[in-house]
Protein backbone atom coordinates (compact mmCIF):
# COMPACT_ATOMS: atom_id res chain seq x y z
CA MET A 1 0.19 -0.03 -0.25
CA ASN A 2 1.51 3.36 -0.84
CA ASN A 3 0.32 6.21 1.26
CA LYS A 4 1.51 9.44 0.11
CA SER A 5 0.81 12.87 2.46
CA ASP A 6 0.85 16.41 1.77
CA LYS A 7 4.29 16.48 3.89
CA PRO A 8 7.61 15.63 2.79
CA GLU A 9 9.66 12.96 4.55
CA VAL A 10 11.63 13.82 7.09
CA THR A 11 14.98 12.05 7.58
CA ASP A 12 17.83 11.63 10.37
CA SER A 13 20.25 13.48 8.36
CA ASP A 14 17.65 16.59 8.15
CA CYS A 15 17.18 16.48 12.05
CA LEU A 16 20.80 16.51 12.65
CA GLN A 17 21.33 19.15 10.29
CA ALA A 18 18.82 20.92 11.78
CA PHE A 19 20.01 20.53 15.28
CA ASP A 20 23.48 21.77 14.44
CA HIS A 21 21.72 25.02 14.34
CA LEU A 22 19.04 25.01 16.67
CA TYR A 23 20.10 26.80 19.93
CA ALA A 24 21.99 29.35 17.63
CA TYR A 25 18.15 29.93 16.25
CA ILE A 26 16.27 29.88 19.26
CA ASN A 27 18.58 32.52 20.91
CA GLY A 28 18.42 34.62 17.62
CA GLU A 29 22.11 34.29 17.03
CA LEU A 30 21.72 32.86 13.35
CA SER A 31 21.91 35.41 10.83
CA ASP A 32 22.07 33.41 8.01
CA PRO A 33 18.61 33.58 6.33
CA ARG A 34 19.42 30.56 4.62
CA SER A 35 19.95 28.70 7.57
CA VAL A 36 16.85 30.51 9.31
CA ALA A 37 14.82 29.22 6.27
CA MET A 38 16.02 25.76 6.76
CA ILE A 39 15.22 25.44 10.52
CA GLU A 40 12.16 26.94 9.94
CA HIS A 41 11.17 24.83 7.34
CA HIS A 42 12.35 21.63 9.07
CA LEU A 43 10.23 22.47 12.20
CA SER A 44 7.42 23.10 10.13
CA HIS A 45 7.57 19.46 9.00
CA CYS A 46 9.08 17.71 12.02
CA ARG A 47 7.22 17.02 15.09
CA SER A 48 9.97 15.73 16.78
CA CYS A 49 12.09 18.75 16.64
CA TYR A 50 9.37 21.07 16.67
CA SER A 51 8.94 19.96 20.17
CA ARG A 52 12.42 19.90 21.09
CA ALA A 53 12.84 23.48 19.73
CA GLN A 54 9.71 24.60 22.20
CA MET A 55 11.17 22.65 25.19
CA GLU A 56 14.06 24.58 24.96
CA ARG A 57 12.24 27.85 24.11
CA GLU A 58 10.59 27.11 27.47
CA ILE A 59 13.93 26.26 29.63
CA ASN A 60 15.33 29.44 28.22
CA ASP A 61 12.37 31.74 29.24
CA ARG A 62 12.15 30.12 32.61
CA LEU A 63 15.99 30.63 33.25
CA LYS A 64 15.53 34.37 31.90
CA ASN A 65 12.77 34.91 34.50
CA SER A 66 14.64 32.78 37.14
CA GLY A 67 15.63 36.06 38.87
CA GLN A 68 19.36 34.85 38.86
CA PRO A 69 22.20 37.68 38.84
CA LYS A 70 23.75 38.22 35.43
CA PRO A 71 27.46 37.33 35.43
CA PRO A 72 29.66 40.39 35.95
CA PRO A 73 30.60 42.38 32.72
CA GLY A 74 33.71 41.22 31.36
CA LEU A 75 33.59 37.56 32.52
CA LYS A 76 32.89 36.23 29.13
CA SER A 77 36.55 38.12 27.75
CA ARG A 78 38.26 36.72 31.19
CA LEU A 79 37.24 33.41 30.63
CA ASP A 80 38.42 33.44 26.81
CA LYS A 81 41.52 34.88 27.71
CA LEU A 82 41.82 31.99 30.17
CA ILE A 83 41.34 29.51 27.74
CA ASP A 84 43.36 30.77 25.17
CA GLU A 85 46.41 30.53 28.01
CA PHE A 86 45.77 27.04 28.31
CA GLU A 87 45.32 26.21 24.77
CA ASP A 88 49.03 28.02 24.41
CA GLU A 89 50.68 25.82 26.70
């Protein structure tokens, strides 16, 4: 029996490719329009990845609203410098 649906078939490789960019997409850090379009297209066709993205958005929202203090200014640059020093050794 050959049953065709209106939605294209989603493969594991499609999911892996979307997952590579999912966090950047959720955090608004993905600036490449082609990558954004690819992820949005995938999320509109893959229930599993859509659910995962929704869960990650919810986690992000809860963390943002948790009232925890933000890291002090310059922390990222200090950590980057420490990591660079370790890599140079």
